[in-house]
Amino acid sequence: MTINRALRYGGRTLALTATALGTIAAAVPAAADEQPTAEQILADCASGEGKCSFNSPEIGEAYLGKPRQVSELLYNCTASPAAQTMSWADTVGSSHSVGGSITVGGGIEGIITASVTATYNYTWQSSHTETSSFTVNVQPGEVGWISRAQVMQDISGTWQTHYDDPKRGHYYWFVPDVVTGPAPNGTDGKHNAVVVESRKMTADEKKLCSNGSTKNEVFTRNS
C-alpha cells in the first residue's frame, strides 16, 4: 500500500552502620536470583513503599516523533476531487524504558517532574493535548485523513530506591531508565507537524461506495 505524502542492576550493601542502615559505595550487579525486577522496583516507587529519587537526569536533543492518524477517514466516492474541513484531536503521553506508559498524576510522574525541575528549572510535561481542524482534499476513489507528529524528548537517569527494611538483602536498589515524553513546540528548533495523507481505497472500501447509501458521496468513518 502506498501512502502519500533495563538495563537494571541492584546495589549490594557494602557496609552497615550500627543502626543497621544500608549504605552503597558502588552499584554492583547482584545475582539474578537475588534481585527484584526493575518493574518491581518502579512499582515500589509509584506506591511509596520505596523512597525513590530520579537521579542525574540528562535531557536529550528534541526530535520529531512518528506521524499518527488523529482524525476520521474521509472517503471520496465521487468522480471529482472533494474537500472537507475535519476536526482532529491528539493526546501524546509519556513512557519509560522500564515500565511502559507513565500515568498522569501517578507517583512516578511526580518524582520525574521534581527531579527535572530541580536540575534544569524546566517544567516537564508527561502529557500534551492539542485539538484543531484542517481541510482535507481527497481525489476520487481515495481515502484521506489528518496525521500529526509531536516534538519528543528523551530524559535518561537512574532511579535510586531506599527501603526501611532490606529488599532481597539490600537497602538500596538502582535502576537506569529512559523517559520519553512530549516537548514544547519549537524545542531545539523542532516543530510539531500536521499533514494530510491519502491512499487508494481497498477493494473492501470500494464496496462501501457501491452500496446504495454511499454511492457518489463523500463520507467519513472511524478507522
Protein backbone atom coordinates (compact mmCIF):
# COMPACT_ATOMS: atom_id res chain seq x y z
CA MET A 1 0.00 0.00 0.00
CA THR A 2 1.41 3.41 -0.96
CA ILE A 3 0.80 6.37 1.30
CA ASN A 4 1.32 9.89 0.09
CA ARG A 5 2.94 12.36 1.36
CA ALA A 6 16.89 -2.27 31.90
CA LEU A 7 19.33 -2.45 31.77
CA ARG A 8 18.82 -2.96 35.53
CA TYR A 9 21.05 -3.70 38.49
CA GLY A 10 20.90 -3.91 42.27
CA GLY A 11 23.40 -2.28 44.58
CA ARG A 12 24.96 -4.54 47.17
CA THR A 13 25.19 -3.20 50.71
CA LEU A 14 28.91 -2.92 51.24
CA ALA A 15 28.76 -1.69 54.81
CA LEU A 16 26.23 -1.41 57.62
CA THR A 17 26.18 1.18 60.38
CA ALA A 18 25.47 0.27 63.96
CA THR A 19 21.83 1.17 63.42
CA ALA A 20 21.59 -1.29 60.52
CA LEU A 21 21.15 1.37 57.82
CA GLY A 22 22.43 0.22 54.44
CA THR A 23 24.98 2.29 52.56
CA ILE A 24 26.15 1.99 48.96
CA ALA A 25 29.68 2.68 47.85
CA ALA A 26 29.14 1.49 44.27
CA ALA A 27 26.46 -0.09 42.12
CA VAL A 28 27.35 -3.77 41.85
CA PRO A 29 25.15 -6.21 39.92
CA ALA A 30 23.50 -8.81 42.13
CA ALA A 31 22.87 -12.40 41.12
CA ALA A 32 19.65 -12.92 39.16
CA ASP A 33 18.00 -14.90 41.95
CA GLU A 34 18.87 -12.18 44.49
CA GLN A 35 17.46 -9.12 42.77
CA PRO A 36 13.87 -7.95 42.22
CA THR A 37 12.91 -6.94 38.71
CA ALA A 38 13.18 -3.34 37.59
CA GLU A 39 9.39 -3.31 37.21
CA GLN A 40 9.00 -4.31 40.87
CA ILE A 41 11.35 -1.54 41.97
CA LEU A 42 9.45 1.07 39.94
CA ALA A 43 6.15 -0.24 41.31
CA ASP A 44 7.50 0.36 44.82
CA CYS A 45 8.46 3.90 43.77
CA ALA A 46 4.94 4.53 42.49
CA SER A 47 3.27 3.12 45.61
CA GLY A 48 5.61 4.80 48.07
CA GLU A 49 6.87 1.53 49.53
CA GLY A 50 10.33 2.58 48.43
CA LYS A 51 11.69 6.07 48.99
CA CYS A 52 12.70 6.95 45.43
CA SER A 53 14.52 9.65 43.55
CA PHE A 54 15.32 10.02 39.85
CA ASN A 55 18.99 10.93 39.91
CA SER A 56 21.17 12.83 37.42
CA PRO A 57 18.55 13.40 34.72
CA GLU A 58 20.00 14.22 31.30
CA ILE A 59 17.73 15.75 28.66
CA GLY A 60 18.45 14.64 25.11
CA GLU A 61 18.01 16.69 21.96
CA ALA A 62 14.42 17.06 20.81
CA TYR A 63 13.21 15.15 17.76
CA LEU A 64 10.00 14.82 15.78
CA GLY A 65 8.02 11.72 16.65
CA LYS A 66 6.35 9.45 14.13
CA PRO A 67 3.17 10.80 12.49
CA ARG A 68 -0.05 9.12 13.56
CA GLN A 69 -3.65 9.39 12.43
CA VAL A 70 -5.64 11.89 14.53
CA SER A 71 -8.86 12.26 12.52
CA GLU A 72 -11.57 10.12 10.99
CA LEU A 73 -11.11 8.76 7.47
CA LEU A 74 -12.64 10.72 4.59
CA TYR A 75 -13.83 8.60 1.63
CA ASN A 76 -14.42 10.15 -1.77
CA CYS A 77 -16.88 8.03 -3.72
CA THR A 78 -17.50 10.71 -6.33
CA ALA A 79 -15.88 11.31 -9.72
CA SER A 80 -14.49 14.70 -8.68
CA PRO A 81 -11.94 15.92 -6.11
CA ALA A 82 -13.52 16.58 -2.72
CA ALA A 83 -12.58 18.91 0.12
CA GLN A 84 -13.92 18.83 3.65
CA THR A 85 -12.91 20.51 6.89
CA MET A 86 -12.31 17.92 9.61
CA SER A 87 -11.69 18.29 13.32
CA TRP A 88 -8.85 16.42 14.97
CA ALA A 89 -7.60 15.79 18.50
CA ASP A 90 -4.33 14.33 19.67
CA THR A 91 -3.06 13.44 23.14
CA VAL A 92 0.56 12.35 23.43
CA GLY A 93 1.67 10.74 26.69
CA SER A 94 4.97 9.61 28.16
CA SER A 95 6.62 6.24 28.55
CA HIS A 96 9.77 4.86 30.07
CA SER A 97 12.06 2.01 29.11
CA VAL A 98 11.41 0.06 32.30
CA GLY A 99 7.65 0.08 32.70
CA GLY A 100 5.77 1.31 29.64
CA SER A 101 3.42 4.29 29.89
CA ILE A 102 3.61 6.84 32.69
CA THR A 103 0.30 7.56 34.42
CA VAL A 104 -0.65 11.22 34.71
CA GLY A 105 -0.88 12.07 38.40
CA GLY A 106 0.91 8.87 39.43
CA GLY A 107 3.84 8.64 41.82
CA ILE A 108 6.40 8.13 39.08
CA GLU A 109 5.31 11.28 37.23
CA GLY A 110 5.73 13.44 40.32
CA ILE A 111 9.25 12.17 41.04
CA ILE A 112 10.42 12.80 37.47
CA THR A 113 8.87 16.27 37.44
CA ALA A 114 10.57 17.24 40.70
CA SER A 115 13.96 15.94 39.55
CA VAL A 116 13.92 17.66 36.16
CA THR A 117 12.64 20.93 37.64
CA ALA A 118 15.34 20.95 40.33
CA THR A 119 18.12 20.16 37.84
CA TYR A 120 17.14 22.31 34.85
CA ASN A 121 14.42 24.67 36.13
CA TYR A 122 12.40 23.18 33.28
CA THR A 123 8.79 22.10 33.60
CA TRP A 124 8.48 18.58 32.22
CA GLN A 125 5.08 17.57 30.86
CA SER A 126 4.08 13.93 30.96
CA SER A 127 1.17 14.54 28.56
CA HIS A 128 0.20 17.06 25.90
CA THR A 129 -3.14 17.53 24.10
CA GLU A 130 -3.95 19.58 21.02
CA THR A 131 -7.17 19.99 19.02
CA SER A 132 -7.90 21.87 15.83
CA SER A 133 -9.36 21.48 12.34
CA PHE A 134 -7.88 21.12 8.88
CA THR A 135 -9.17 20.96 5.33
CA VAL A 136 -8.72 17.53 3.76
CA ASN A 137 -8.56 17.26 -0.04
CA VAL A 138 -9.23 13.79 -1.45
CA GLN A 139 -9.12 12.59 -5.06
CA PRO A 140 -11.85 10.31 -6.48
CA GLY A 141 -11.57 6.75 -5.21
CA GLU A 142 -9.18 7.69 -2.43
CA VAL A 143 -9.23 7.92 1.36
CA GLY A 144 -7.79 10.89 3.23
CA TRP A 145 -7.04 11.65 6.85
CA ILE A 146 -5.09 14.02 9.10
CA SER A 147 -1.85 12.91 10.75
CA ARG A 148 0.15 14.69 13.41
CA ALA A 149 3.73 14.38 14.67
CA GLN A 150 4.69 15.67 18.14
CA VAL A 151 8.07 17.03 19.19
CA MET A 152 9.50 14.50 21.65
CA GLN A 153 12.43 14.36 24.06
CA ASP A 154 14.24 11.63 26.00
CA ILE A 155 15.39 12.02 29.58
CA SER A 156 17.87 9.47 30.91
CA GLY A 157 18.54 8.97 34.60
CA THR A 158 18.83 6.40 37.38
CA TRP A 159 16.18 5.51 39.92
CA GLN A 160 17.52 5.20 43.46
CA THR A 161 15.27 3.42 45.92
CA HIS A 162 15.80 3.21 49.66
CA TYR A 163 13.89 0.73 51.82
CA ASP A 164 13.47 0.96 55.58
CA ASP A 165 13.82 -2.82 55.65
CA PRO A 166 16.08 -4.67 53.20
CA LYS A 167 14.51 -5.88 49.96
CA ARG A 168 16.23 -9.07 48.81
CA GLY A 169 19.06 -8.26 51.20
CA HIS A 170 19.65 -4.65 50.12
CA TYR A 171 18.51 -1.28 51.39
CA TYR A 172 19.25 0.46 48.09
CA TRP A 173 18.48 -0.51 44.50
CA PHE A 174 19.44 1.37 41.36
CA VAL A 175 17.59 1.15 38.03
CA PRO A 176 18.72 3.01 34.87
CA ASP A 177 15.78 4.34 32.86
CA VAL A 178 14.98 6.46 29.79
CA VAL A 179 11.82 8.56 29.89
CA THR A 180 10.26 9.63 26.57
CA GLY A 181 7.66 12.38 26.50
CA PRO A 182 6.28 15.38 24.61
CA ALA A 183 8.37 18.55 24.43
CA PRO A 184 7.16 22.11 23.82
CA ASN A 185 6.76 23.06 20.17
CA GLY A 186 9.95 24.69 18.87
CA THR A 187 12.29 22.89 21.29
CA ASP A 188 15.78 22.66 19.73
CA GLY A 189 14.33 24.06 16.52
CA LYS A 190 11.91 21.14 16.07
CA HIS A 191 8.23 21.84 15.36
CA ASN A 192 5.04 19.81 15.56
CA ALA A 193 3.66 18.84 12.16
CA VAL A 194 0.08 18.38 10.95
CA VAL A 195 -0.29 16.87 7.49
CA VAL A 196 -2.99 15.43 5.23
CA GLU A 197 -2.33 11.93 3.93
CA SER A 198 -4.19 9.86 1.37
CA ARG A 199 -4.21 6.49 -0.35
CA LYS A 200 -6.26 4.46 -2.79
CA MET A 201 -9.30 2.67 -1.43
CA THR A 202 -9.00 -1.04 -0.83
CA ALA A 203 -11.37 -3.48 -2.54
CA ASP A 204 -13.46 -3.76 0.63
CA GLU A 205 -13.63 0.01 0.94
CA LYS A 206 -14.78 0.37 -2.64
CA LYS A 207 -17.74 -1.83 -1.75
CA LEU A 208 -18.83 0.88 0.67
CA CYS A 209 -19.12 3.19 -2.32
CA SER A 210 -21.06 0.70 -4.40
CA ASN A 211 -23.92 0.18 -1.95
CA GLY A 212 -26.92 2.39 -2.43
CA SER A 213 -26.47 4.64 0.59
CA THR A 214 -22.98 5.97 -0.17
CA LYS A 215 -22.61 5.84 -3.93
CA ASN A 216 -21.46 9.16 -5.41
CA GLU A 217 -20.95 10.63 -1.93
CA VAL A 218 -18.18 11.82 0.33
CA PHE A 219 -18.40 10.33 3.81
CA THR A 220 -16.34 9.82 6.94
CA ARG A 221 -15.94 6.90 9.28
CA ASN A 222 -13.67 5.86 12.12
CA SER A 223 -10.58 3.93 11.13
